[in-house]
Amino acid sequence: MSDNLDPLESVTASELVSASLLAALIPALVDRGVLTQQDANEIYENALMMLEMQHSAEPDVQRIYEAAREMIESHLRPE
């Protein structure tokens, strides 16, 4: 299946796998007591900081960074 993907699709698929794994991993580590909720929040805050450091000034990708920021910030909101 992945042999039929163009390079952009392959990168996108790889990013989706990474994001999905991390999205599942952090709450699982909190649930198992490996991380505290404060630890998880620090991870998300560091991710936001890293995203800001990578943030592009290009208008064409501005929406992508904003969407990524919103996704990370959603993990920091109380349920």
PDB file of N, CA and C in Angstrom:
ATOM      1  N   MET A   1       0.826  -1.190   0.000  1.00  0.00           N
ATOM      2  CA  MET A   1       0.000   0.000   0.000  1.00  0.00           C
ATOM      3  C   MET A   1       0.867   1.250   0.000  1.00  0.00           C
ATOM      4  N   SER A   2       1.844   1.328   0.897  1.00  0.00           N
ATOM      5  CA  SER A   2       2.675   2.523   0.975  1.00  0.00           C
ATOM      6  C   SER A   2       3.574   2.700  -0.245  1.00  0.00           C
ATOM      7  N   ASP A   3       3.743   1.636  -1.030  1.00  0.00           N
ATOM      8  CA  ASP A   3       4.543   1.756  -2.247  1.00  0.00           C
ATOM      9  C   ASP A   3       3.866   2.644  -3.288  1.00  0.00           C
ATOM     10  N   ASN A   4       2.569   2.815  -3.177  1.00  0.00           N
ATOM     11  CA  ASN A   4       1.824   3.600  -4.153  1.00  0.00           C
ATOM     12  C   ASN A   4       1.718   5.068  -3.770  1.00  0.00           C
ATOM     13  N   LEU A   5       2.290   5.469  -2.659  1.00  0.00           N
ATOM     14  CA  LEU A   5       2.194   6.849  -2.197  1.00  0.00           C
ATOM     15  C   LEU A   5       3.272   7.707  -2.829  1.00  0.00           C
ATOM     16  N   ASP A   6       2.916   8.959  -3.114  1.00  0.00           N
ATOM     17  CA  ASP A   6       3.950   9.888  -3.566  1.00  0.00           C
ATOM     18  C   ASP A   6       4.712  10.369  -2.323  1.00  0.00           C
ATOM     19  N   PRO A   7       5.828  11.058  -2.497  1.00  0.00           N
ATOM     20  CA  PRO A   7       6.644  11.462  -1.343  1.00  0.00           C
ATOM     21  C   PRO A   7       5.883  12.288  -0.298  1.00  0.00           C
ATOM     22  N   LEU A   8       5.046  13.206  -0.734  1.00  0.00           N
ATOM     23  CA  LEU A   8       4.290  14.020   0.214  1.00  0.00           C
ATOM     24  C   LEU A   8       3.310  13.169   1.009  1.00  0.00           C
ATOM     25  N   GLU A   9       2.653  12.247   0.336  1.00  0.00           N
ATOM     26  CA  GLU A   9       1.722  11.352   1.025  1.00  0.00           C
ATOM     27  C   GLU A   9       2.459  10.464   2.029  1.00  0.00           C
ATOM     28  N   SER A  10       3.647  10.027   1.681  1.00  0.00           N
ATOM     29  CA  SER A  10       4.440   9.202   2.595  1.00  0.00           C
ATOM     30  C   SER A  10       4.825   9.976   3.854  1.00  0.00           C
ATOM     31  N   VAL A  11       5.239  11.218   3.669  1.00  0.00           N
ATOM     32  CA  VAL A  11       5.593  12.059   4.814  1.00  0.00           C
ATOM     33  C   VAL A  11       4.367  12.316   5.679  1.00  0.00           C
ATOM     34  N   THR A  12       3.262  12.613   5.048  1.00  0.00           N
ATOM     35  CA  THR A  12       2.022  12.867   5.778  1.00  0.00           C
ATOM     36  C   THR A  12       1.608  11.634   6.568  1.00  0.00           C
ATOM     37  N   ALA A  13       1.668  10.470   5.961  1.00  0.00           N
ATOM     38  CA  ALA A  13       1.326   9.227   6.653  1.00  0.00           C
ATOM     39  C   ALA A  13       2.247   9.001   7.851  1.00  0.00           C
ATOM     40  N   SER A  14       3.522   9.251   7.662  1.00  0.00           N
ATOM     41  CA  SER A  14       4.487   9.096   8.751  1.00  0.00           C
ATOM     42  C   SER A  14       4.184  10.038   9.909  1.00  0.00           C
ATOM     43  N   GLU A  15       3.862  11.276   9.587  1.00  0.00           N
ATOM     44  CA  GLU A  15       3.516  12.256  10.616  1.00  0.00           C
ATOM     45  C   GLU A  15       2.246  11.853  11.356  1.00  0.00           C
ATOM     46  N   LEU A  16       1.268  11.320  10.641  1.00  0.00           N
ATOM     47  CA  LEU A  16       0.035  10.875  11.278  1.00  0.00           C
ATOM     48  C   LEU A  16       0.289   9.716  12.234  1.00  0.00           C
ATOM     49  N   VAL A  17       1.163   8.805  11.841  1.00  0.00           N
ATOM     50  CA  VAL A  17       1.519   7.690  12.723  1.00  0.00           C
ATOM     51  C   VAL A  17       2.176   8.218  13.993  1.00  0.00           C
ATOM     52  N   SER A  18       3.138   9.113  13.845  1.00  0.00           N
ATOM     53  CA  SER A  18       3.831   9.679  15.011  1.00  0.00           C
ATOM     54  C   SER A  18       2.863  10.415  15.929  1.00  0.00           C
ATOM     55  N   ALA A  19       2.024  11.241  15.351  1.00  0.00           N
ATOM     56  CA  ALA A  19       1.073  12.016  16.147  1.00  0.00           C
ATOM     57  C   ALA A  19       0.086  11.103  16.866  1.00  0.00           C
ATOM     58  N   SER A  20      -0.380  10.070  16.190  1.00  0.00           N
ATOM     59  CA  SER A  20      -1.330   9.142  16.802  1.00  0.00           C
ATOM     60  C   SER A  20      -0.695   8.373  17.963  1.00  0.00           C
ATOM     61  N   LEU A  21       0.525   7.932  17.756  1.00  0.00           N
ATOM     62  CA  LEU A  21       1.216   7.211  18.823  1.00  0.00           C
ATOM     63  C   LEU A  21       1.438   8.092  20.043  1.00  0.00           C
ATOM     64  N   LEU A  22       1.873   9.323  19.831  1.00  0.00           N
ATOM     65  CA  LEU A  22       2.090  10.223  20.954  1.00  0.00           C
ATOM     66  C   LEU A  22       0.788  10.591  21.645  1.00  0.00           C
ATOM     67  N   ALA A  23      -0.256  10.786  20.849  1.00  0.00           N
ATOM     68  CA  ALA A  23      -1.558  11.116  21.435  1.00  0.00           C
ATOM     69  C   ALA A  23      -2.064   9.981  22.312  1.00  0.00           C
ATOM     70  N   ALA A  24      -1.748   8.753  21.972  1.00  0.00           N
ATOM     71  CA  ALA A  24      -2.150   7.602  22.780  1.00  0.00           C
ATOM     72  C   ALA A  24      -1.194   7.360  23.941  1.00  0.00           C
ATOM     73  N   LEU A  25       0.080   7.637  23.735  1.00  0.00           N
ATOM     74  CA  LEU A  25       1.100   7.323  24.732  1.00  0.00           C
ATOM     75  C   LEU A  25       1.005   8.181  25.989  1.00  0.00           C
ATOM     76  N   ILE A  26       0.878   9.472  25.842  1.00  0.00           N
ATOM     77  CA  ILE A  26       0.908  10.360  27.006  1.00  0.00           C
ATOM     78  C   ILE A  26      -0.224  10.051  27.984  1.00  0.00           C
ATOM     79  N   PRO A  27      -1.488   9.972  27.535  1.00  0.00           N
ATOM     80  CA  PRO A  27      -2.544   9.621  28.497  1.00  0.00           C
ATOM     81  C   PRO A  27      -2.360   8.226  29.105  1.00  0.00           C
ATOM     82  N   ALA A  28      -1.844   7.288  28.317  1.00  0.00           N
ATOM     83  CA  ALA A  28      -1.614   5.937  28.845  1.00  0.00           C
ATOM     84  C   ALA A  28      -0.568   5.963  29.961  1.00  0.00           C
ATOM     85  N   LEU A  29       0.471   6.763  29.784  1.00  0.00           N
ATOM     86  CA  LEU A  29       1.501   6.873  30.824  1.00  0.00           C
ATOM     87  C   LEU A  29       0.953   7.539  32.082  1.00  0.00           C
ATOM     88  N   VAL A  30       0.054   8.493  31.908  1.00  0.00           N
ATOM     89  CA  VAL A  30      -0.592   9.118  33.065  1.00  0.00           C
ATOM     90  C   VAL A  30      -1.485   8.100  33.760  1.00  0.00           C
ATOM     91  N   ASP A  31      -2.279   7.368  32.996  1.00  0.00           N
ATOM     92  CA  ASP A  31      -3.183   6.359  33.564  1.00  0.00           C
ATOM     93  C   ASP A  31      -2.435   5.285  34.342  1.00  0.00           C
ATOM     94  N   ARG A  32      -1.225   4.959  33.916  1.00  0.00           N
ATOM     95  CA  ARG A  32      -0.430   3.925  34.582  1.00  0.00           C
ATOM     96  C   ARG A  32       0.440   4.475  35.711  1.00  0.00           C
ATOM     97  N   GLY A  33       0.368   5.770  35.914  1.00  0.00           N
ATOM     98  CA  GLY A  33       1.121   6.382  36.999  1.00  0.00           C
ATOM     99  C   GLY A  33       2.588   6.633  36.689  1.00  0.00           C
ATOM    100  N   VAL A  34       2.977   6.451  35.441  1.00  0.00           N
ATOM    101  CA  VAL A  34       4.363   6.705  35.046  1.00  0.00           C
ATOM    102  C   VAL A  34       4.619   8.206  34.991  1.00  0.00           C
ATOM    103  N   LEU A  35       3.615   8.936  34.513  1.00  0.00           N
ATOM    104  CA  LEU A  35       3.666  10.401  34.475  1.00  0.00           C
ATOM    105  C   LEU A  35       2.522  10.948  35.315  1.00  0.00           C
ATOM    106  N   THR A  36       2.753  12.091  35.930  1.00  0.00           N
ATOM    107  CA  THR A  36       1.648  12.800  36.572  1.00  0.00           C
ATOM    108  C   THR A  36       0.964  13.650  35.519  1.00  0.00           C
ATOM    109  N   GLN A  37      -0.203  14.155  35.854  1.00  0.00           N
ATOM    110  CA  GLN A  37      -0.886  15.047  34.911  1.00  0.00           C
ATOM    111  C   GLN A  37      -0.038  16.298  34.689  1.00  0.00           C
ATOM    112  N   GLN A  38       0.664  16.734  35.734  1.00  0.00           N
ATOM    113  CA  GLN A  38       1.546  17.893  35.592  1.00  0.00           C
ATOM    114  C   GLN A  38       2.680  17.581  34.606  1.00  0.00           C
ATOM    115  N   ASP A  39       3.232  16.372  34.685  1.00  0.00           N
ATOM    116  CA  ASP A  39       4.269  15.963  33.731  1.00  0.00           C
ATOM    117  C   ASP A  39       3.725  16.008  32.302  1.00  0.00           C
ATOM    118  N   ALA A  40       2.517  15.482  32.118  1.00  0.00           N
ATOM    119  CA  ALA A  40       1.904  15.470  30.785  1.00  0.00           C
ATOM    120  C   ALA A  40       1.700  16.892  30.287  1.00  0.00           C
ATOM    121  N   ASN A  41       1.223  17.769  31.177  1.00  0.00           N
ATOM    122  CA  ASN A  41       1.027  19.168  30.777  1.00  0.00           C
ATOM    123  C   ASN A  41       2.340  19.813  30.368  1.00  0.00           C
ATOM    124  N   GLU A  42       3.415  19.502  31.081  1.00  0.00           N
ATOM    125  CA  GLU A  42       4.726  20.055  30.719  1.00  0.00           C
ATOM    126  C   GLU A  42       5.158  19.572  29.337  1.00  0.00           C
ATOM    127  N   ILE A  43       4.854  18.317  29.019  1.00  0.00           N
ATOM    128  CA  ILE A  43       5.189  17.785  27.693  1.00  0.00           C
ATOM    129  C   ILE A  43       4.432  18.561  26.620  1.00  0.00           C
ATOM    130  N   TYR A  44       3.136  18.770  26.847  1.00  0.00           N
ATOM    131  CA  TYR A  44       2.341  19.521  25.876  1.00  0.00           C
ATOM    132  C   TYR A  44       2.819  20.969  25.770  1.00  0.00           C
ATOM    133  N   GLU A  45       3.176  21.575  26.897  1.00  0.00           N
ATOM    134  CA  GLU A  45       3.681  22.956  26.862  1.00  0.00           C
ATOM    135  C   GLU A  45       5.005  23.035  26.114  1.00  0.00           C
ATOM    136  N   ASN A  46       5.867  22.044  26.319  1.00  0.00           N
ATOM    137  CA  ASN A  46       7.132  22.007  25.572  1.00  0.00           C
ATOM    138  C   ASN A  46       6.877  21.801  24.083  1.00  0.00           C
ATOM    139  N   ALA A  47       5.877  20.992  23.755  1.00  0.00           N
ATOM    140  CA  ALA A  47       5.529  20.795  22.347  1.00  0.00           C
ATOM    141  C   ALA A  47       5.070  22.109  21.721  1.00  0.00           C
ATOM    142  N   LEU A  48       4.281  22.879  22.478  1.00  0.00           N
ATOM    143  CA  LEU A  48       3.860  24.194  21.981  1.00  0.00           C
ATOM    144  C   LEU A  48       5.059  25.103  21.741  1.00  0.00           C
ATOM    145  N   MET A  49       5.993  25.083  22.683  1.00  0.00           N
ATOM    146  CA  MET A  49       7.185  25.908  22.545  1.00  0.00           C
ATOM    147  C   MET A  49       7.990  25.497  21.301  1.00  0.00           C
ATOM    148  N   MET A  50       8.138  24.190  21.097  1.00  0.00           N
ATOM    149  CA  MET A  50       8.870  23.705  19.927  1.00  0.00           C
ATOM    150  C   MET A  50       8.152  24.093  18.638  1.00  0.00           C
ATOM    151  N   LEU A  51       6.823  24.030  18.673  1.00  0.00           N
ATOM    152  CA  LEU A  51       6.048  24.422  17.500  1.00  0.00           C
ATOM    153  C   LEU A  51       6.254  25.895  17.189  1.00  0.00           C
ATOM    154  N   GLU A  52       6.270  26.718  18.220  1.00  0.00           N
ATOM    155  CA  GLU A  52       6.498  28.151  18.024  1.00  0.00           C
ATOM    156  C   GLU A  52       7.892  28.413  17.450  1.00  0.00           C
ATOM    157  N   MET A  53       8.872  27.632  17.866  1.00  0.00           N
ATOM    158  CA  MET A  53      10.232  27.808  17.351  1.00  0.00           C
ATOM    159  C   MET A  53      10.314  27.431  15.874  1.00  0.00           C
ATOM    160  N   GLN A  54       9.481  26.478  15.446  1.00  0.00           N
ATOM    161  CA  GLN A  54       9.486  26.025  14.056  1.00  0.00           C
ATOM    162  C   GLN A  54       8.531  26.834  13.195  1.00  0.00           C
ATOM    163  N   HIS A  55       7.689  27.616  13.837  1.00  0.00           N
ATOM    164  CA  HIS A  55       6.625  28.356  13.154  1.00  0.00           C
ATOM    165  C   HIS A  55       7.175  29.135  11.958  1.00  0.00           C
ATOM    166  N   SER A  56       6.528  28.965  10.877  1.00  0.00           N
ATOM    167  CA  SER A  56       6.942  29.632   9.647  1.00  0.00           C
ATOM    168  C   SER A  56       6.175  30.934   9.474  1.00  0.00           C
ATOM    169  N   ALA A  57       6.824  31.898   8.901  1.00  0.00           N
ATOM    170  CA  ALA A  57       6.174  33.177   8.596  1.00  0.00           C
ATOM    171  C   ALA A  57       5.435  33.109   7.265  1.00  0.00           C
ATOM    172  N   GLU A  58       5.559  31.982   6.587  1.00  0.00           N
ATOM    173  CA  GLU A  58       4.906  31.835   5.290  1.00  0.00           C
ATOM    174  C   GLU A  58       3.394  31.818   5.450  1.00  0.00           C
ATOM    175  N   PRO A  59       2.687  32.715   4.791  1.00  0.00           N
ATOM    176  CA  PRO A  59       1.220  32.753   4.893  1.00  0.00           C
ATOM    177  C   PRO A  59       0.552  31.452   4.453  1.00  0.00           C
ATOM    178  N   ASP A  60       1.154  30.752   3.499  1.00  0.00           N
ATOM    179  CA  ASP A  60       0.552  29.523   2.977  1.00  0.00           C
ATOM    180  C   ASP A  60       0.464  28.407   4.012  1.00  0.00           C
ATOM    181  N   VAL A  61       1.336  28.422   4.998  1.00  0.00           N
ATOM    182  CA  VAL A  61       1.327  27.362   6.013  1.00  0.00           C
ATOM    183  C   VAL A  61       0.882  27.860   7.383  1.00  0.00           C
ATOM    184  N   GLN A  62       0.525  29.097   7.485  1.00  0.00           N
ATOM    185  CA  GLN A  62       0.087  29.691   8.754  1.00  0.00           C
ATOM    186  C   GLN A  62      -1.055  28.894   9.372  1.00  0.00           C
ATOM    187  N   ARG A  63      -2.037  28.534   8.562  1.00  0.00           N
ATOM    188  CA  ARG A  63      -3.202  27.783   9.059  1.00  0.00           C
ATOM    189  C   ARG A  63      -2.805  26.439   9.622  1.00  0.00           C
ATOM    190  N   ILE A  64      -1.795  25.821   9.040  1.00  0.00           N
ATOM    191  CA  ILE A  64      -1.346  24.502   9.510  1.00  0.00           C
ATOM    192  C   ILE A  64      -0.770  24.622  10.913  1.00  0.00           C
ATOM    193  N   TYR A  65       0.065  25.637  11.139  1.00  0.00           N
ATOM    194  CA  TYR A  65       0.637  25.836  12.468  1.00  0.00           C
ATOM    195  C   TYR A  65      -0.433  26.188  13.483  1.00  0.00           C
ATOM    196  N   GLU A  66      -1.402  26.989  13.073  1.00  0.00           N
ATOM    197  CA  GLU A  66      -2.494  27.351  13.984  1.00  0.00           C
ATOM    198  C   GLU A  66      -3.318  26.121  14.360  1.00  0.00           C
ATOM    199  N   ALA A  67      -3.578  25.264  13.406  1.00  0.00           N
ATOM    200  CA  ALA A  67      -4.330  24.036  13.680  1.00  0.00           C
ATOM    201  C   ALA A  67      -3.550  23.119  14.618  1.00  0.00           C
ATOM    202  N   ALA A  68      -2.250  23.000  14.385  1.00  0.00           N
ATOM    203  CA  ALA A  68      -1.416  22.165  15.251  1.00  0.00           C
ATOM    204  C   ALA A  68      -1.409  22.716  16.669  1.00  0.00           C
ATOM    205  N   ARG A  69      -1.306  24.032  16.786  1.00  0.00           N
ATOM    206  CA  ARG A  69      -1.317  24.668  18.110  1.00  0.00           C
ATOM    207  C   ARG A  69      -2.632  24.387  18.833  1.00  0.00           C
ATOM    208  N   GLU A  70      -3.741  24.516  18.120  1.00  0.00           N
ATOM    209  CA  GLU A  70      -5.045  24.253  18.725  1.00  0.00           C
ATOM    210  C   GLU A  70      -5.165  22.806  19.198  1.00  0.00           C
ATOM    211  N   MET A  71      -4.623  21.888  18.425  1.00  0.00           N
ATOM    212  CA  MET A  71      -4.685  20.472  18.805  1.00  0.00           C
ATOM    213  C   MET A  71      -3.908  20.207  20.088  1.00  0.00           C
ATOM    214  N   ILE A  72      -2.728  20.801  20.190  1.00  0.00           N
ATOM    215  CA  ILE A  72      -1.916  20.617  21.399  1.00  0.00           C
ATOM    216  C   ILE A  72      -2.592  21.299  22.580  1.00  0.00           C
ATOM    217  N   GLU A  73      -3.073  22.508  22.369  1.00  0.00           N
ATOM    218  CA  GLU A  73      -3.710  23.243  23.456  1.00  0.00           C
ATOM    219  C   GLU A  73      -4.943  22.522  23.992  1.00  0.00           C
ATOM    220  N   SER A  74      -5.618  21.765  23.144  1.00  0.00           N
ATOM    221  CA  SER A  74      -6.815  21.036  23.599  1.00  0.00           C
ATOM    222  C   SER A  74      -6.465  20.036  24.700  1.00  0.00           C
ATOM    223  N   HIS A  75      -5.227  19.549  24.718  1.00  0.00           N
ATOM    224  CA  HIS A  75      -4.800  18.617  25.765  1.00  0.00           C
ATOM    225  C   HIS A  75      -4.547  19.327  27.094  1.00  0.00           C
ATOM    226  N   LEU A  76      -4.373  20.617  27.049  1.00  0.00           N
ATOM    227  CA  LEU A  76      -4.093  21.386  28.264  1.00  0.00           C
ATOM    228  C   LEU A  76      -5.372  21.912  28.926  1.00  0.00           C
ATOM    229  N   ARG A  77      -6.489  21.804  28.218  1.00  0.00           N
ATOM    230  CA  ARG A  77      -7.756  22.283  28.787  1.00  0.00           C
ATOM    231  C   ARG A  77      -8.300  21.245  29.751  1.00  0.00           C
ATOM    232  N   PRO A  78      -8.844  21.706  30.885  1.00  0.00           N
ATOM    233  CA  PRO A  78      -9.458  20.755  31.813  1.00  0.00           C
ATOM    234  C   PRO A  78     -10.671  20.092  31.167  1.00  0.00           C
ATOM    235  N   GLU A  79     -10.850  18.846  31.486  1.00  0.00           N
ATOM    236  CA  GLU A  79     -11.983  18.109  30.909  1.00  0.00           C
ATOM    237  C   GLU A  79     -13.248  18.345  31.674  1.00  0.00           C
TER     238      GLU A  79
END
